[in-house]
Amino acid sequence: MDYRYLGRSALQVSPLCLGAMMFGGETDEATARRIIAKAGEQGVNFIDTADVYHAGRSEEIVGRAVADRRDDWVIATKFGFPGGQGPNQNGQSRKWIMQSVENSLKRLGSEYIDILYFHRALPGISLEEGMRAVADLIRQGKVRYFGVSNFKGWRIAEIARLADQMGIDRPVASEPLYNLVDRTAEVEQLPAAAHYGLGVVSYSPLARGVLSGKYAPDTAPPEDSRAGRGDRRIQQTEWRPESLQIAQTIAAHAAERGTTPIGFALAWVLNNQHVSATIAGPRTETQWDSYQAALQFKLTAEDEQLVDRLVPPGHASTPGYTDPGYPVEGRIVR
């Protein structure tokens, strides 16, 4: 395994990070544990979960699966999304962060979390209170590193400034959405992370399955697929005609190059020097097996030029596209 340093930290992680979002829901525990065991045997040492994935069941499964080799794994989890109905059971208050971390530690069956992410940015909410809470958790030994997820460049800069001001290490990781049909992270998120010393651990490298090539344009999706199950997020984001067509072009090109569309799409993300690792989240063991092609495939200049023709650097496949989950914040009507 070609381990990579996570940003400017001394922490080394596998370029494929096992995403556990499906575990405890679409993926039952027995299958999840087989995937985790296989990943460990393959040299993968990095796993990503969150407090809200299937109401905490993902963390519980991860914790049980790695219990006998806990120190071999770099476990990342997150806080910030609602964990209950109360007004203080979400967000970035000291109260919720402390409660959320204690709950995660119990579910993981661990005394510490390797990387704790701010799961999202909250417009209008100061980062300072959350940063002080995370700093205290690091000093208590409950958290070893922290990171940010879905943060724009200016917030990455602010979080680095606050860390310097508080006398703690800067975050080690930024987790943006990044794939070859949504390259908007290249505009500021990736350069900001590099400038401030954060490693990039991108998510959705397969555009929630679109880049696997299994979805034919103008055709109903397979019933057992994420789109076929009516997943809200894929409908909001990746289910775009332009992306479906590009996926077919990539699939044909990958075949000519002797690899799979999955291998090509993952390898393209990992071919960016800013990227330390990418999160690949399988539903099945077969899906996890398919990701390994990325580690053997090397892109050429011609491959990069093809992608640039399909989707210009810094853009998404659909002109004017914005993820409704993360709207543009720069215009507030008076």
Protein backbone atom coordinates (compact mmCIF):
# COMPACT_ATOMS: atom_id res chain seq x y z
CA MET A 1 0.00 0.00 0.00
CA ASP A 2 1.32 3.41 -0.98
CA TYR A 3 0.53 5.28 2.24
CA ARG A 4 0.34 9.06 2.06
CA TYR A 5 0.88 11.72 4.69
CA LEU A 6 -2.30 13.52 5.63
CA GLY A 7 -1.44 17.12 4.79
CA ARG A 8 1.51 18.41 6.78
CA SER A 9 0.84 16.02 9.64
CA ALA A 10 2.95 12.94 10.34
CA LEU A 11 -0.16 10.72 10.08
CA GLN A 12 -0.03 8.24 7.19
CA VAL A 13 -3.20 6.90 5.59
CA SER A 14 -4.09 4.59 2.73
CA PRO A 15 -5.20 6.42 -0.44
CA LEU A 16 -8.47 4.49 -0.35
CA CYS A 17 -10.45 5.37 2.76
CA LEU A 18 -13.22 2.87 3.50
CA GLY A 19 -16.49 4.77 3.71
CA ALA A 20 -18.92 3.26 6.23
CA MET A 21 -22.02 5.32 5.41
CA MET A 22 -23.97 2.26 4.21
CA PHE A 23 -23.09 0.10 7.22
CA GLY A 24 -26.01 -0.53 9.52
CA GLY A 25 -28.54 0.32 6.82
CA GLU A 26 -28.26 -0.87 3.23
CA THR A 27 -25.31 -3.03 4.28
CA ASP A 28 -25.93 -5.51 7.10
CA GLU A 29 -23.37 -6.07 9.83
CA ALA A 30 -22.08 -9.41 8.56
CA THR A 31 -21.31 -7.94 5.14
CA ALA A 32 -19.81 -4.79 6.64
CA ARG A 33 -17.49 -6.82 8.84
CA ARG A 34 -16.31 -8.89 5.88
CA ILE A 35 -15.56 -5.72 3.95
CA ILE A 36 -13.67 -4.18 6.88
CA ALA A 37 -11.65 -7.35 7.44
CA LYS A 38 -10.78 -7.60 3.75
CA ALA A 39 -9.80 -3.93 3.60
CA GLY A 40 -7.48 -4.40 6.56
CA GLU A 41 -5.85 -7.41 4.92
CA GLN A 42 -5.30 -5.32 1.80
CA GLY A 43 -3.43 -2.68 3.79
CA VAL A 44 -6.24 -0.12 4.10
CA ASN A 45 -5.90 1.63 7.47
CA PHE A 46 -8.38 4.49 7.09
CA ILE A 47 -12.14 4.30 7.73
CA ASP A 48 -14.73 7.08 7.67
CA THR A 49 -18.03 7.13 9.53
CA ALA A 50 -20.28 9.68 11.28
CA ASP A 51 -22.52 9.97 14.30
CA VAL A 52 -25.63 10.29 12.11
CA TYR A 53 -25.01 7.41 9.71
CA HIS A 54 -28.01 5.17 10.32
CA ALA A 55 -28.60 6.70 13.76
CA GLY A 56 -25.16 5.63 15.01
CA ARG A 57 -25.33 2.02 13.84
CA SER A 58 -22.45 2.60 11.43
CA GLU A 59 -20.17 3.63 14.30
CA GLU A 60 -21.27 0.62 16.35
CA ILE A 61 -20.47 -1.80 13.53
CA VAL A 62 -17.11 -0.17 12.85
CA GLY A 63 -16.24 -0.32 16.54
CA ARG A 64 -17.06 -4.01 16.88
CA ALA A 65 -15.27 -4.89 13.63
CA VAL A 66 -11.95 -3.25 14.56
CA ALA A 67 -12.00 -3.92 18.29
CA ASP A 68 -9.16 -6.44 18.25
CA ARG A 69 -6.98 -4.21 16.03
CA ARG A 70 -8.15 -0.75 17.07
CA ASP A 71 -4.72 0.89 17.03
CA ASP A 72 -4.07 -0.29 13.47
CA TRP A 73 -6.89 1.87 12.14
CA VAL A 74 -7.30 5.61 11.61
CA ILE A 75 -10.98 6.14 12.42
CA ALA A 76 -12.67 9.38 11.38
CA THR A 77 -16.12 10.40 12.53
CA LYS A 78 -18.12 13.62 12.56
CA PHE A 79 -20.49 15.88 14.49
CA GLY A 80 -22.91 18.64 13.59
CA PHE A 81 -26.00 17.13 12.00
CA PRO A 82 -29.11 16.65 14.14
CA GLY A 83 -28.95 13.70 16.51
CA GLY A 84 -32.32 14.25 18.16
CA GLN A 85 -35.33 16.55 18.32
CA GLY A 86 -34.05 19.04 20.87
CA PRO A 87 -32.69 22.46 19.89
CA ASN A 88 -29.28 21.59 21.36
CA GLN A 89 -28.98 18.16 19.75
CA ASN A 90 -27.27 19.46 16.64
CA GLY A 91 -24.94 22.19 15.48
CA GLN A 92 -21.62 23.36 16.87
CA SER A 93 -22.29 24.35 20.47
CA ARG A 94 -19.90 23.15 23.16
CA LYS A 95 -22.82 21.24 24.71
CA TRP A 96 -23.59 19.28 21.55
CA ILE A 97 -19.99 18.63 20.53
CA MET A 98 -19.11 17.20 23.95
CA GLN A 99 -22.27 15.08 24.03
CA SER A 100 -21.82 13.93 20.44
CA VAL A 101 -18.21 12.86 21.00
CA GLU A 102 -19.06 10.97 24.20
CA ASN A 103 -21.81 9.14 22.32
CA SER A 104 -19.46 8.34 19.42
CA LEU A 105 -16.81 6.97 21.78
CA LYS A 106 -19.38 4.67 23.38
CA ARG A 107 -20.63 3.42 20.02
CA LEU A 108 -17.10 2.91 18.71
CA GLY A 109 -16.06 1.18 21.93
CA SER A 110 -12.91 3.28 21.89
CA GLU A 111 -11.12 5.65 24.25
CA TYR A 112 -10.22 8.01 21.43
CA ILE A 113 -11.20 9.24 17.97
CA ASP A 114 -8.38 9.63 15.47
CA ILE A 115 -9.99 12.40 13.37
CA LEU A 116 -13.08 14.37 14.37
CA TYR A 117 -14.70 16.39 11.59
CA PHE A 118 -16.95 19.40 11.66
CA HIS A 119 -19.49 17.70 9.38
CA ARG A 120 -20.61 20.92 7.71
CA ALA A 121 -20.39 24.67 7.93
CA LEU A 122 -23.30 26.53 9.50
CA PRO A 123 -23.81 30.01 8.02
CA GLY A 124 -24.11 32.72 10.66
CA ILE A 125 -22.58 30.57 13.42
CA SER A 126 -19.18 31.51 14.82
CA LEU A 127 -16.56 28.79 14.54
CA GLU A 128 -14.81 29.89 17.71
CA GLU A 129 -17.01 28.07 20.24
CA GLY A 130 -16.78 24.81 18.32
CA MET A 131 -13.03 25.19 17.96
CA ARG A 132 -12.57 25.70 21.71
CA ALA A 133 -14.60 22.57 22.42
CA VAL A 134 -12.52 20.53 19.96
CA ALA A 135 -9.32 21.93 21.45
CA ASP A 136 -10.44 20.78 24.90
CA LEU A 137 -11.25 17.30 23.58
CA ILE A 138 -7.77 17.09 22.05
CA ARG A 139 -6.17 18.12 25.35
CA GLN A 140 -8.26 15.49 27.15
CA GLY A 141 -6.94 12.81 24.79
CA LYS A 142 -10.39 11.92 23.46
CA VAL A 143 -9.59 13.30 20.00
CA ARG A 144 -6.19 13.12 18.34
CA TYR A 145 -6.72 15.22 15.21
CA PHE A 146 -9.58 17.21 13.74
CA GLY A 147 -10.77 18.18 10.30
CA VAL A 148 -13.49 20.01 8.39
CA SER A 149 -16.05 18.69 5.92
CA ASN A 150 -17.81 20.74 3.24
CA PHE A 151 -15.97 23.93 4.23
CA LYS A 152 -15.30 26.60 1.61
CA GLY A 153 -11.84 28.09 1.27
CA TRP A 154 -12.41 31.12 3.49
CA ARG A 155 -13.68 28.93 6.32
CA ILE A 156 -10.63 26.71 5.99
CA ALA A 157 -8.53 29.86 6.40
CA GLU A 158 -10.54 30.95 9.44
CA ILE A 159 -10.32 27.56 11.13
CA ALA A 160 -6.53 27.58 10.62
CA ARG A 161 -6.33 31.09 12.09
CA LEU A 162 -8.35 30.09 15.13
CA ALA A 163 -6.18 27.01 15.69
CA ASP A 164 -3.06 29.17 15.61
CA GLN A 165 -4.68 31.64 18.00
CA MET A 166 -5.66 28.91 20.45
CA GLY A 167 -2.27 27.24 20.36
CA ILE A 168 -3.39 23.90 18.93
CA ASP A 169 -2.38 22.13 15.75
CA ARG A 170 -4.26 23.10 12.63
CA PRO A 171 -6.79 20.65 11.19
CA VAL A 172 -5.21 17.76 9.31
CA ALA A 173 -7.96 17.16 6.78
CA SER A 174 -10.56 18.80 4.57
CA GLU A 175 -13.34 16.61 3.21
CA PRO A 176 -14.93 18.10 0.08
CA LEU A 177 -17.08 16.50 -2.58
CA TYR A 178 -14.80 15.91 -5.59
CA ASN A 179 -15.16 13.83 -8.73
CA LEU A 180 -14.65 14.26 -12.45
CA VAL A 181 -18.22 15.49 -13.06
CA ASP A 182 -18.08 17.97 -10.17
CA ARG A 183 -14.72 19.73 -10.08
CA THR A 184 -15.89 22.86 -8.24
CA ALA A 185 -13.65 22.03 -5.25
CA GLU A 186 -10.66 22.87 -7.46
CA VAL A 187 -11.53 26.57 -7.41
CA GLU A 188 -10.78 27.25 -3.75
CA GLN A 189 -11.29 24.27 -1.42
CA LEU A 190 -8.33 22.22 -2.67
CA PRO A 191 -5.86 25.14 -3.01
CA ALA A 192 -6.86 26.48 0.42
CA ALA A 193 -6.37 23.08 2.03
CA ALA A 194 -2.91 22.80 0.46
CA HIS A 195 -1.93 26.32 1.52
CA TYR A 196 -2.96 25.81 5.14
CA GLY A 197 -1.48 22.33 5.41
CA LEU A 198 -4.64 20.20 5.37
CA GLY A 199 -4.73 16.90 3.56
CA VAL A 200 -7.71 16.46 1.25
CA VAL A 201 -9.88 13.40 1.92
CA SER A 202 -12.49 13.77 -0.79
CA TYR A 203 -15.84 12.03 -0.87
CA SER A 204 -18.18 10.81 -3.61
CA PRO A 205 -15.39 10.00 -6.13
CA LEU A 206 -17.89 7.96 -8.14
CA ALA A 207 -20.55 10.69 -8.07
CA ARG A 208 -22.76 8.49 -5.90
CA GLY A 209 -22.40 5.64 -8.38
CA VAL A 210 -23.03 7.58 -11.60
CA LEU A 211 -19.41 7.16 -12.73
CA SER A 212 -19.66 3.38 -12.44
CA GLY A 213 -21.37 3.58 -15.83
CA LYS A 214 -24.32 1.48 -14.68
CA TYR A 215 -26.89 4.20 -15.41
CA ALA A 216 -27.86 4.55 -19.08
CA PRO A 217 -29.11 8.00 -20.15
CA ASP A 218 -32.87 8.23 -20.76
CA THR A 219 -33.38 4.85 -19.08
CA ALA A 220 -34.92 4.06 -15.70
CA PRO A 221 -32.22 3.13 -13.16
CA PRO A 222 -31.89 -0.46 -11.88
CA GLU A 223 -34.23 -1.06 -8.94
CA ASP A 224 -31.43 -2.20 -6.63
CA SER A 225 -29.31 0.91 -7.31
CA ARG A 226 -29.11 4.07 -5.25
CA ALA A 227 -31.06 6.02 -7.87
CA GLY A 228 -33.55 3.17 -8.26
CA ARG A 229 -34.24 3.22 -4.51
CA GLY A 230 -35.14 6.91 -4.78
CA ASP A 231 -32.19 8.20 -2.75
CA ARG A 232 -32.85 11.90 -2.17
CA ARG A 233 -29.25 13.08 -2.34
CA ILE A 234 -28.43 11.47 -5.67
CA GLN A 235 -31.61 12.98 -7.11
CA GLN A 236 -30.58 16.41 -5.81
CA THR A 237 -27.00 16.22 -6.95
CA GLU A 238 -25.55 13.65 -9.34
CA TRP A 239 -28.64 12.58 -11.30
CA ARG A 240 -27.96 15.02 -14.15
CA PRO A 241 -28.21 14.23 -17.88
CA GLU A 242 -24.77 15.66 -18.59
CA SER A 243 -23.14 13.46 -15.92
CA LEU A 244 -24.93 10.32 -17.14
CA GLN A 245 -23.68 10.92 -20.68
CA ILE A 246 -20.13 11.68 -19.54
CA ALA A 247 -20.13 8.47 -17.51
CA GLN A 248 -20.79 6.49 -20.68
CA THR A 249 -17.91 8.25 -22.45
CA ILE A 250 -15.61 7.49 -19.52
CA ALA A 251 -16.70 3.84 -19.49
CA ALA A 252 -15.83 3.43 -23.16
CA HIS A 253 -12.47 5.16 -22.70
CA ALA A 254 -11.65 3.09 -19.60
CA ALA A 255 -12.30 -0.11 -21.54
CA GLU A 256 -9.87 1.03 -24.24
CA ARG A 257 -7.29 1.70 -21.52
CA GLY A 258 -7.71 -1.75 -20.00
CA THR A 259 -9.43 -0.71 -16.79
CA THR A 260 -12.97 -0.22 -15.46
CA PRO A 261 -14.90 3.06 -15.25
CA ILE A 262 -14.73 2.73 -11.47
CA GLY A 263 -10.97 2.25 -11.55
CA PHE A 264 -10.55 5.21 -13.89
CA ALA A 265 -12.77 7.58 -11.89
CA LEU A 266 -11.09 6.77 -8.57
CA ALA A 267 -7.60 6.92 -10.08
CA TRP A 268 -8.42 10.33 -11.58
CA VAL A 269 -9.25 11.74 -8.13
CA LEU A 270 -6.10 10.21 -6.61
CA ASN A 271 -3.96 11.62 -9.44
CA ASN A 272 -4.39 15.11 -7.96
CA GLN A 273 -1.39 15.98 -5.77
CA HIS A 274 -3.68 17.88 -3.39
CA VAL A 275 -5.59 14.67 -2.56
CA SER A 276 -4.27 12.46 0.25
CA ALA A 277 -7.12 9.94 0.12
CA THR A 278 -10.58 9.48 -1.28
CA ILE A 279 -13.54 7.91 0.51
CA ALA A 280 -14.97 4.91 -1.32
CA GLY A 281 -18.17 3.74 0.33
CA PRO A 282 -19.37 0.29 -0.75
CA ARG A 283 -22.80 -1.23 -0.26
CA THR A 284 -21.62 -4.73 -1.17
CA GLU A 285 -18.41 -6.71 -0.96
CA THR A 286 -18.33 -6.87 -4.76
CA GLN A 287 -18.36 -3.08 -4.91
CA TRP A 288 -15.41 -2.90 -2.53
CA ASP A 289 -13.51 -5.39 -4.69
CA SER A 290 -14.13 -3.20 -7.76
CA TYR A 291 -12.39 -0.21 -6.15
CA GLN A 292 -9.01 -1.96 -6.08
CA ALA A 293 -8.51 -1.37 -9.83
CA ALA A 294 -7.77 2.28 -9.05
CA LEU A 295 -4.59 1.36 -7.18
CA GLN A 296 -3.08 -0.38 -10.21
CA PHE A 297 -4.08 2.13 -12.90
CA LYS A 298 -1.89 5.11 -13.85
CA LEU A 299 -3.37 8.02 -15.74
CA THR A 300 -1.58 9.57 -18.70
CA ALA A 301 -1.54 13.15 -19.93
CA GLU A 302 -4.03 12.09 -22.62
CA ASP A 303 -6.42 10.76 -19.95
CA GLU A 304 -6.26 14.08 -18.11
CA GLN A 305 -6.88 15.99 -21.35
CA LEU A 306 -9.96 13.90 -22.08
CA VAL A 307 -11.47 14.73 -18.69
CA ASP A 308 -10.63 18.42 -19.16
CA ARG A 309 -12.53 18.40 -22.47
CA LEU A 310 -15.55 16.75 -20.87
CA VAL A 311 -15.61 18.93 -17.74
CA PRO A 312 -13.41 22.04 -17.61
CA PRO A 313 -11.24 22.46 -14.47
CA GLY A 314 -13.18 24.01 -11.60
CA HIS A 315 -16.60 23.34 -13.10
CA ALA A 316 -19.39 20.82 -12.81
CA SER A 317 -20.75 18.89 -15.77
CA THR A 318 -23.96 20.94 -15.73
CA PRO A 319 -23.47 24.69 -16.32
CA GLY A 320 -24.83 26.70 -13.39
CA TYR A 321 -25.22 23.66 -11.13
CA THR A 322 -25.14 24.25 -7.35
CA ASP A 323 -25.71 21.55 -4.73
CA PRO A 324 -28.97 22.58 -2.98
CA GLY A 325 -27.58 21.14 0.26
CA TYR A 326 -24.81 23.76 0.19
CA PRO A 327 -26.29 26.89 -1.39
CA VAL A 328 -24.29 29.95 -2.42
CA GLU A 329 -24.06 32.34 0.54
CA GLY A 330 -22.94 35.54 -1.15
CA ARG A 331 -26.25 37.24 -1.78
CA ILE A 332 -28.70 38.08 1.00
CA VAL A 333 -31.64 40.12 -0.27
CA ARG A 334 -32.39 43.21 1.83
